[in-house]
All heavy atoms as atom14 arrays in JSON, in Angstrom:
{
  "sequence": "DVEERHPTSPFVDDTAVIINNIALMCNPYGNRQGEISAI",
  "atom14_mask": [
    [1, 1, 1, 1, 1, 1, 1, 1, 0, 0, 0, 0, 0, 0],
    [1, 1, 1, 1, 1, 1, 1, 0, 0, 0, 0, 0, 0, 0],
    [1, 1, 1, 1, 1, 1, 1, 1, 1, 0, 0, 0, 0, 0],
    [1, 1, 1, 1, 1, 1, 1, 1, 1, 0, 0, 0, 0, 0],
    [1, 1, 1, 1, 1, 1, 1, 1, 1, 1, 1, 0, 0, 0],
    [1, 1, 1, 1, 1, 1, 1, 1, 1, 1, 0, 0, 0, 0],
    [1, 1, 1, 1, 1, 1, 1, 0, 0, 0, 0, 0, 0, 0],
    [1, 1, 1, 1, 1, 1, 1, 0, 0, 0, 0, 0, 0, 0],
    [1, 1, 1, 1, 1, 1, 0, 0, 0, 0, 0, 0, 0, 0],
    [1, 1, 1, 1, 1, 1, 1, 0, 0, 0, 0, 0, 0, 0],
    [1, 1, 1, 1, 1, 1, 1, 1, 1, 1, 1, 0, 0, 0],
    [1, 1, 1, 1, 1, 1, 1, 0, 0, 0, 0, 0, 0, 0],
    [1, 1, 1, 1, 1, 1, 1, 1, 0, 0, 0, 0, 0, 0],
    [1, 1, 1, 1, 1, 1, 1, 1, 0, 0, 0, 0, 0, 0],
    [1, 1, 1, 1, 1, 1, 1, 0, 0, 0, 0, 0, 0, 0],
    [1, 1, 1, 1, 1, 0, 0, 0, 0, 0, 0, 0, 0, 0],
    [1, 1, 1, 1, 1, 1, 1, 0, 0, 0, 0, 0, 0, 0],
    [1, 1, 1, 1, 1, 1, 1, 1, 0, 0, 0, 0, 0, 0],
    [1, 1, 1, 1, 1, 1, 1, 1, 0, 0, 0, 0, 0, 0],
    [1, 1, 1, 1, 1, 1, 1, 1, 0, 0, 0, 0, 0, 0],
    [1, 1, 1, 1, 1, 1, 1, 1, 0, 0, 0, 0, 0, 0],
    [1, 1, 1, 1, 1, 1, 1, 1, 0, 0, 0, 0, 0, 0],
    [1, 1, 1, 1, 1, 0, 0, 0, 0, 0, 0, 0, 0, 0],
    [1, 1, 1, 1, 1, 1, 1, 1, 0, 0, 0, 0, 0, 0],
    [1, 1, 1, 1, 1, 1, 1, 1, 0, 0, 0, 0, 0, 0],
    [1, 1, 1, 1, 1, 1, 0, 0, 0, 0, 0, 0, 0, 0],
    [1, 1, 1, 1, 1, 1, 1, 1, 0, 0, 0, 0, 0, 0],
    [1, 1, 1, 1, 1, 1, 1, 0, 0, 0, 0, 0, 0, 0],
    [1, 1, 1, 1, 1, 1, 1, 1, 1, 1, 1, 1, 0, 0],
    [1, 1, 1, 1, 0, 0, 0, 0, 0, 0, 0, 0, 0, 0],
    [1, 1, 1, 1, 1, 1, 1, 1, 0, 0, 0, 0, 0, 0],
    [1, 1, 1, 1, 1, 1, 1, 1, 1, 1, 1, 0, 0, 0],
    [1, 1, 1, 1, 1, 1, 1, 1, 1, 0, 0, 0, 0, 0],
    [1, 1, 1, 1, 0, 0, 0, 0, 0, 0, 0, 0, 0, 0],
    [1, 1, 1, 1, 1, 1, 1, 1, 1, 0, 0, 0, 0, 0],
    [1, 1, 1, 1, 1, 1, 1, 1, 0, 0, 0, 0, 0, 0],
    [1, 1, 1, 1, 1, 1, 0, 0, 0, 0, 0, 0, 0, 0],
    [1, 1, 1, 1, 1, 0, 0, 0, 0, 0, 0, 0, 0, 0],
    [1, 1, 1, 1, 1, 1, 1, 1, 0, 0, 0, 0, 0, 0]
  ],
  "atom14_positions": [
    [[-8.59, 11.97, 59.3], [-8.73, 10.56, 58.92], [-7.95, 10.24, 57.65], [-7.77, 11.09, 56.77], [-10.2, 10.21, 58.7], [-10.99, 10.21, 60.0], [-10.37, 10.01, 61.06], [-12.21, 10.43, 59.95], [0.0, 0.0, 0.0], [0.0, 0.0, 0.0], [0.0, 0.0, 0.0], [0.0, 0.0, 0.0], [0.0, 0.0, 0.0], [0.0, 0.0, 0.0]],
    [[-7.55, 8.99, 57.54], [-6.86, 8.49, 56.35], [-7.78, 8.63, 55.15], [-8.98, 8.37, 55.24], [-6.47, 7.0, 56.54], [-5.95, 6.41, 55.25], [-5.42, 6.87, 57.63], [0.0, 0.0, 0.0], [0.0, 0.0, 0.0], [0.0, 0.0, 0.0], [0.0, 0.0, 0.0], [0.0, 0.0, 0.0], [0.0, 0.0, 0.0], [0.0, 0.0, 0.0]],
    [[-7.22, 9.06, 54.04], [-7.99, 9.23, 52.81], [-7.31, 8.46, 51.69], [-6.36, 8.95, 51.08], [-8.09, 10.72, 52.47], [-8.94, 11.03, 51.28], [-10.37, 10.53, 51.41], [-11.1, 11.02, 52.29], [-10.76, 9.65, 50.61], [0.0, 0.0, 0.0], [0.0, 0.0, 0.0], [0.0, 0.0, 0.0], [0.0, 0.0, 0.0], [0.0, 0.0, 0.0]],
    [[-7.79, 7.24, 51.45], [-7.16, 6.37, 50.45], [-7.22, 6.94, 49.04], [-6.35, 6.67, 48.22], [-7.82, 4.98, 50.47], [-7.44, 4.14, 51.66], [-5.95, 3.81, 51.75], [-5.26, 3.76, 50.72], [-5.48, 3.62, 52.88], [0.0, 0.0, 0.0], [0.0, 0.0, 0.0], [0.0, 0.0, 0.0], [0.0, 0.0, 0.0], [0.0, 0.0, 0.0]],
    [[-8.21, 7.75, 48.74], [-8.33, 8.32, 47.39], [-7.23, 9.35, 47.1], [-7.04, 9.74, 45.95], [-9.69, 9.0, 47.2], [-10.85, 8.03, 47.22], [-12.16, 8.77, 47.12], [-12.28, 9.63, 48.29], [-13.05, 10.71, 48.35], [-13.78, 11.07, 47.34], [-13.1, 11.43, 49.46], [0.0, 0.0, 0.0], [0.0, 0.0, 0.0], [0.0, 0.0, 0.0]],
    [[-6.56, 9.79, 48.16], [-5.56, 10.84, 48.0], [-4.23, 10.4, 48.61], [-3.95, 10.68, 49.78], [-6.04, 12.13, 48.65], [-7.33, 12.62, 48.1], [-7.46, 13.13, 46.83], [-8.58, 12.62, 48.63], [-8.71, 13.45, 46.61], [-9.42, 13.14, 47.68], [0.0, 0.0, 0.0], [0.0, 0.0, 0.0], [0.0, 0.0, 0.0], [0.0, 0.0, 0.0]],
    [[-3.38, 9.72, 47.83], [-2.13, 9.19, 48.38], [-1.17, 10.26, 48.89], [-0.34, 9.99, 49.74], [-1.52, 8.42, 47.21], [-2.21, 8.9, 45.99], [-3.56, 9.39, 46.42], [0.0, 0.0, 0.0], [0.0, 0.0, 0.0], [0.0, 0.0, 0.0], [0.0, 0.0, 0.0], [0.0, 0.0, 0.0], [0.0, 0.0, 0.0], [0.0, 0.0, 0.0]],
    [[-1.29, 11.49, 48.4], [-0.39, 12.56, 48.86], [-0.97, 13.36, 50.02], [-0.37, 14.35, 50.44], [-0.05, 13.52, 47.7], [-1.27, 14.04, 47.16], [0.74, 12.82, 46.6], [0.0, 0.0, 0.0], [0.0, 0.0, 0.0], [0.0, 0.0, 0.0], [0.0, 0.0, 0.0], [0.0, 0.0, 0.0], [0.0, 0.0, 0.0], [0.0, 0.0, 0.0]],
    [[-2.08, 12.92, 50.57], [-2.75, 13.67, 51.65], [-1.9, 13.88, 52.91], [-2.14, 14.86, 53.62], [-4.08, 13.02, 52.01], [-3.92, 11.7, 52.45], [0.0, 0.0, 0.0], [0.0, 0.0, 0.0], [0.0, 0.0, 0.0], [0.0, 0.0, 0.0], [0.0, 0.0, 0.0], [0.0, 0.0, 0.0], [0.0, 0.0, 0.0], [0.0, 0.0, 0.0]],
    [[-0.92, 13.03, 53.23], [-0.09, 13.35, 54.4], [0.72, 14.65, 54.26], [1.19, 15.19, 55.25], [0.84, 12.14, 54.52], [0.09, 11.04, 53.87], [-0.64, 11.69, 52.72], [0.0, 0.0, 0.0], [0.0, 0.0, 0.0], [0.0, 0.0, 0.0], [0.0, 0.0, 0.0], [0.0, 0.0, 0.0], [0.0, 0.0, 0.0], [0.0, 0.0, 0.0]],
    [[0.86, 15.15, 53.04], [1.6, 16.4, 52.82], [0.66, 17.59, 53.06], [0.36, 18.37, 52.16], [2.19, 16.44, 51.41], [3.12, 15.31, 51.11], [2.87, 14.43, 50.07], [4.26, 15.09, 51.89], [3.72, 13.37, 49.79], [5.12, 14.03, 51.62], [4.85, 13.17, 50.57], [0.0, 0.0, 0.0], [0.0, 0.0, 0.0], [0.0, 0.0, 0.0]],
    [[0.19, 17.72, 54.29], [-0.79, 18.75, 54.62], [-0.24, 20.16, 54.44], [-1.02, 21.11, 54.27], [-1.34, 18.57, 56.06], [-2.1, 17.28, 56.2], [-0.23, 18.67, 57.09], [0.0, 0.0, 0.0], [0.0, 0.0, 0.0], [0.0, 0.0, 0.0], [0.0, 0.0, 0.0], [0.0, 0.0, 0.0], [0.0, 0.0, 0.0], [0.0, 0.0, 0.0]],
    [[1.06, 20.32, 54.44], [1.66, 21.65, 54.28], [1.41, 22.24, 52.91], [1.52, 23.46, 52.73], [3.15, 21.62, 54.59], [3.92, 20.67, 53.69], [3.4, 19.58, 53.38], [5.06, 21.0, 53.31], [0.0, 0.0, 0.0], [0.0, 0.0, 0.0], [0.0, 0.0, 0.0], [0.0, 0.0, 0.0], [0.0, 0.0, 0.0], [0.0, 0.0, 0.0]],
    [[1.04, 21.42, 51.93], [0.76, 21.92, 50.58], [-0.62, 22.54, 50.46], [-0.9, 23.21, 49.47], [0.86, 20.78, 49.55], [2.27, 20.33, 49.3], [3.21, 21.1, 49.57], [2.44, 19.19, 48.82], [0.0, 0.0, 0.0], [0.0, 0.0, 0.0], [0.0, 0.0, 0.0], [0.0, 0.0, 0.0], [0.0, 0.0, 0.0], [0.0, 0.0, 0.0]],
    [[-1.49, 22.33, 51.43], [-2.9, 22.65, 51.27], [-3.3, 24.06, 51.69], [-4.33, 24.56, 51.23], [-3.77, 21.65, 52.05], [-3.44, 21.71, 53.43], [-3.58, 20.24, 51.52], [0.0, 0.0, 0.0], [0.0, 0.0, 0.0], [0.0, 0.0, 0.0], [0.0, 0.0, 0.0], [0.0, 0.0, 0.0], [0.0, 0.0, 0.0], [0.0, 0.0, 0.0]],
    [[-2.53, 24.71, 52.55], [-2.91, 26.04, 53.02], [-1.69, 26.82, 53.47], [-0.71, 26.25, 53.94], [-3.9, 25.93, 54.18], [0.0, 0.0, 0.0], [0.0, 0.0, 0.0], [0.0, 0.0, 0.0], [0.0, 0.0, 0.0], [0.0, 0.0, 0.0], [0.0, 0.0, 0.0], [0.0, 0.0, 0.0], [0.0, 0.0, 0.0], [0.0, 0.0, 0.0]],
    [[-1.79, 28.15, 53.33], [-0.81, 29.07, 53.9], [-1.54, 29.78, 55.03], [-2.58, 30.4, 54.8], [-0.31, 30.09, 52.85], [0.61, 31.11, 53.49], [0.38, 29.37, 51.7], [0.0, 0.0, 0.0], [0.0, 0.0, 0.0], [0.0, 0.0, 0.0], [0.0, 0.0, 0.0], [0.0, 0.0, 0.0], [0.0, 0.0, 0.0], [0.0, 0.0, 0.0]],
    [[-1.01, 29.68, 56.23], [-1.69, 30.24, 57.4], [-0.79, 31.27, 58.08], [0.33, 30.95, 58.49], [-2.06, 29.13, 58.41], [-2.93, 28.08, 57.72], [-2.76, 29.73, 59.63], [-3.12, 26.82, 58.54], [0.0, 0.0, 0.0], [0.0, 0.0, 0.0], [0.0, 0.0, 0.0], [0.0, 0.0, 0.0], [0.0, 0.0, 0.0], [0.0, 0.0, 0.0]],
    [[-1.31, 32.49, 58.16], [-0.59, 33.57, 58.82], [-1.61, 34.39, 59.6], [-2.64, 34.81, 59.04], [0.16, 34.46, 57.81], [1.18, 33.63, 57.02], [0.83, 35.65, 58.51], [1.84, 34.37, 55.87], [0.0, 0.0, 0.0], [0.0, 0.0, 0.0], [0.0, 0.0, 0.0], [0.0, 0.0, 0.0], [0.0, 0.0, 0.0], [0.0, 0.0, 0.0]],
    [[-1.34, 34.62, 60.88], [-2.19, 35.47, 61.72], [-3.67, 35.05, 61.67], [-4.55, 35.89, 61.5], [-2.03, 36.94, 61.34], [-0.63, 37.44, 61.59], [0.08, 36.94, 62.46], [-0.2, 38.41, 60.81], [0.0, 0.0, 0.0], [0.0, 0.0, 0.0], [0.0, 0.0, 0.0], [0.0, 0.0, 0.0], [0.0, 0.0, 0.0], [0.0, 0.0, 0.0]],
    [[-3.92, 33.76, 61.81], [-5.28, 33.21, 61.89], [-6.08, 33.35, 60.6], [-7.31, 33.28, 60.61], [-6.05, 33.79, 63.07], [-7.02, 32.78, 63.64], [-6.73, 31.59, 63.72], [-8.18, 33.25, 64.04], [0.0, 0.0, 0.0], [0.0, 0.0, 0.0], [0.0, 0.0, 0.0], [0.0, 0.0, 0.0], [0.0, 0.0, 0.0], [0.0, 0.0, 0.0]],
    [[-5.41, 33.58, 59.49], [-6.04, 33.58, 58.17], [-5.4, 32.46, 57.37], [-4.17, 32.35, 57.31], [-5.83, 34.92, 57.43], [-6.47, 36.06, 58.22], [-6.42, 34.85, 56.01], [-6.13, 37.44, 57.68], [0.0, 0.0, 0.0], [0.0, 0.0, 0.0], [0.0, 0.0, 0.0], [0.0, 0.0, 0.0], [0.0, 0.0, 0.0], [0.0, 0.0, 0.0]],
    [[-6.23, 31.62, 56.78], [-5.75, 30.5, 55.98], [-6.11, 30.72, 54.52], [-7.28, 30.85, 54.18], [-6.37, 29.2, 56.48], [0.0, 0.0, 0.0], [0.0, 0.0, 0.0], [0.0, 0.0, 0.0], [0.0, 0.0, 0.0], [0.0, 0.0, 0.0], [0.0, 0.0, 0.0], [0.0, 0.0, 0.0], [0.0, 0.0, 0.0], [0.0, 0.0, 0.0]],
    [[-5.1, 30.79, 53.68], [-5.31, 30.83, 52.23], [-5.27, 29.39, 51.74], [-4.24, 28.72, 51.85], [-4.24, 31.67, 51.54], [-4.25, 31.63, 50.0], [-5.58, 32.17, 49.45], [-3.07, 32.42, 49.44], [0.0, 0.0, 0.0], [0.0, 0.0, 0.0], [0.0, 0.0, 0.0], [0.0, 0.0, 0.0], [0.0, 0.0, 0.0], [0.0, 0.0, 0.0]],
    [[-6.38, 28.91, 51.23], [-6.44, 27.55, 50.72], [-5.71, 27.51, 49.39], [-5.96, 28.35, 48.51], [-7.89, 27.09, 50.55], [-8.7, 27.14, 51.85], [-7.89, 26.43, 53.3], [-7.6, 24.75, 52.78], [0.0, 0.0, 0.0], [0.0, 0.0, 0.0], [0.0, 0.0, 0.0], [0.0, 0.0, 0.0], [0.0, 0.0, 0.0], [0.0, 0.0, 0.0]],
    [[-4.82, 26.57, 49.26], [-3.97, 26.49, 48.07], [-4.66, 25.74, 46.93], [-5.72, 25.16, 47.09], [-2.65, 25.81, 48.44], [-1.68, 26.79, 49.6], [0.0, 0.0, 0.0], [0.0, 0.0, 0.0], [0.0, 0.0, 0.0], [0.0, 0.0, 0.0], [0.0, 0.0, 0.0], [0.0, 0.0, 0.0], [0.0, 0.0, 0.0], [0.0, 0.0, 0.0]],
    [[-4.0, 25.76, 45.81], [-4.43, 25.04, 44.62], [-3.22, 24.25, 44.13], [-2.6, 24.62, 43.15], [-4.92, 26.02, 43.56], [-5.51, 25.32, 42.36], [-5.83, 24.14, 42.42], [-5.64, 26.04, 41.27], [0.0, 0.0, 0.0], [0.0, 0.0, 0.0], [0.0, 0.0, 0.0], [0.0, 0.0, 0.0], [0.0, 0.0, 0.0], [0.0, 0.0, 0.0]],
    [[-2.87, 23.18, 44.87], [-1.64, 22.48, 44.52], [-1.74, 21.74, 43.2], [-2.82, 21.51, 42.67], [-1.45, 21.51, 45.69], [-2.78, 21.34, 46.29], [-3.54, 22.6, 46.02], [0.0, 0.0, 0.0], [0.0, 0.0, 0.0], [0.0, 0.0, 0.0], [0.0, 0.0, 0.0], [0.0, 0.0, 0.0], [0.0, 0.0, 0.0], [0.0, 0.0, 0.0]],
    [[-0.59, 21.39, 42.73], [-0.42, 20.7, 41.45], [-1.21, 19.39, 41.43], [-1.26, 18.66, 42.41], [1.07, 20.42, 41.25], [1.42, 19.74, 39.97], [1.48, 20.45, 38.78], [1.71, 18.38, 39.94], [1.82, 19.83, 37.6], [2.05, 17.75, 38.76], [2.11, 18.49, 37.59], [2.43, 17.87, 36.42], [0.0, 0.0, 0.0], [0.0, 0.0, 0.0]],
    [[-1.81, 19.1, 40.29], [-2.52, 17.83, 40.11], [-3.92, 17.86, 40.7], [-4.47, 18.9, 41.02], [0.0, 0.0, 0.0], [0.0, 0.0, 0.0], [0.0, 0.0, 0.0], [0.0, 0.0, 0.0], [0.0, 0.0, 0.0], [0.0, 0.0, 0.0], [0.0, 0.0, 0.0], [0.0, 0.0, 0.0], [0.0, 0.0, 0.0], [0.0, 0.0, 0.0]],
    [[-4.46, 16.68, 40.86], [-5.84, 16.52, 41.34], [-5.84, 16.31, 42.85], [-5.99, 15.2, 43.33], [-6.51, 15.35, 40.61], [-7.96, 15.23, 40.98], [-8.56, 16.17, 41.5], [-8.53, 14.08, 40.72], [0.0, 0.0, 0.0], [0.0, 0.0, 0.0], [0.0, 0.0, 0.0], [0.0, 0.0, 0.0], [0.0, 0.0, 0.0], [0.0, 0.0, 0.0]],
    [[-5.69, 17.39, 43.6], [-5.58, 17.27, 45.06], [-6.69, 18.04, 45.79], [-6.59, 18.29, 46.97], [-4.2, 17.75, 45.51], [-3.08, 16.89, 44.94], [-1.72, 17.33, 45.38], [-1.57, 17.15, 46.81], [-0.54, 17.64, 47.51], [0.41, 18.31, 46.9], [-0.47, 17.44, 48.81], [0.0, 0.0, 0.0], [0.0, 0.0, 0.0], [0.0, 0.0, 0.0]],
    [[-7.75, 18.41, 45.07], [-8.8, 19.22, 45.69], [-9.48, 18.51, 46.86], [-9.93, 19.15, 47.79], [-9.82, 19.66, 44.65], [-9.27, 20.69, 43.68], [-8.65, 21.89, 44.39], [-9.27, 22.49, 45.25], [-7.41, 22.21, 44.05], [0.0, 0.0, 0.0], [0.0, 0.0, 0.0], [0.0, 0.0, 0.0], [0.0, 0.0, 0.0], [0.0, 0.0, 0.0]],
    [[-9.56, 17.19, 46.82], [-10.14, 16.45, 47.94], [-9.34, 16.65, 49.22], [-9.9, 16.7, 50.31], [0.0, 0.0, 0.0], [0.0, 0.0, 0.0], [0.0, 0.0, 0.0], [0.0, 0.0, 0.0], [0.0, 0.0, 0.0], [0.0, 0.0, 0.0], [0.0, 0.0, 0.0], [0.0, 0.0, 0.0], [0.0, 0.0, 0.0], [0.0, 0.0, 0.0]],
    [[-8.05, 16.77, 49.09], [-7.2, 17.04, 50.25], [-7.48, 18.42, 50.82], [-7.51, 18.62, 52.04], [-5.72, 16.98, 49.85], [-5.26, 15.63, 49.38], [-3.85, 15.67, 48.85], [-3.0, 16.37, 49.45], [-3.58, 15.02, 47.83], [0.0, 0.0, 0.0], [0.0, 0.0, 0.0], [0.0, 0.0, 0.0], [0.0, 0.0, 0.0], [0.0, 0.0, 0.0]],
    [[-7.72, 19.37, 49.94], [-7.98, 20.74, 50.35], [-9.27, 20.81, 51.17], [-9.34, 21.51, 52.18], [-8.09, 21.67, 49.12], [-6.85, 21.58, 48.24], [-8.37, 23.11, 49.53], [-5.57, 21.93, 48.9], [0.0, 0.0, 0.0], [0.0, 0.0, 0.0], [0.0, 0.0, 0.0], [0.0, 0.0, 0.0], [0.0, 0.0, 0.0], [0.0, 0.0, 0.0]],
    [[-10.28, 20.08, 50.75], [-11.57, 20.1, 51.44], [-11.46, 19.68, 52.9], [-12.04, 20.32, 53.79], [-12.57, 19.2, 50.72], [-12.81, 19.67, 49.43], [0.0, 0.0, 0.0], [0.0, 0.0, 0.0], [0.0, 0.0, 0.0], [0.0, 0.0, 0.0], [0.0, 0.0, 0.0], [0.0, 0.0, 0.0], [0.0, 0.0, 0.0], [0.0, 0.0, 0.0]],
    [[-10.73, 18.62, 53.16], [-10.58, 18.13, 54.54], [-9.87, 19.15, 55.41], [-10.26, 19.38, 56.55], [-9.83, 16.8, 54.55], [0.0, 0.0, 0.0], [0.0, 0.0, 0.0], [0.0, 0.0, 0.0], [0.0, 0.0, 0.0], [0.0, 0.0, 0.0], [0.0, 0.0, 0.0], [0.0, 0.0, 0.0], [0.0, 0.0, 0.0], [0.0, 0.0, 0.0]],
    [[-8.84, 19.78, 54.87], [-8.1, 20.79, 55.64], [-8.97, 22.03, 55.85], [-9.01, 22.59, 56.95], [-6.78, 21.16, 54.94], [-5.87, 19.94, 54.83], [-6.08, 22.31, 55.65], [-5.4, 19.36, 56.14], [0.0, 0.0, 0.0], [0.0, 0.0, 0.0], [0.0, 0.0, 0.0], [0.0, 0.0, 0.0], [0.0, 0.0, 0.0], [0.0, 0.0, 0.0]]
  ]
}
């Protein structure tokens, strides 16, 4: 879903590194933790 509080949320590639069914949740620059939660 659209998340107005997070204007950079369409950049989903910043939120996790996924290899072999394991996802490492990232800690991207700035205040983007809300984006991480949805992913």
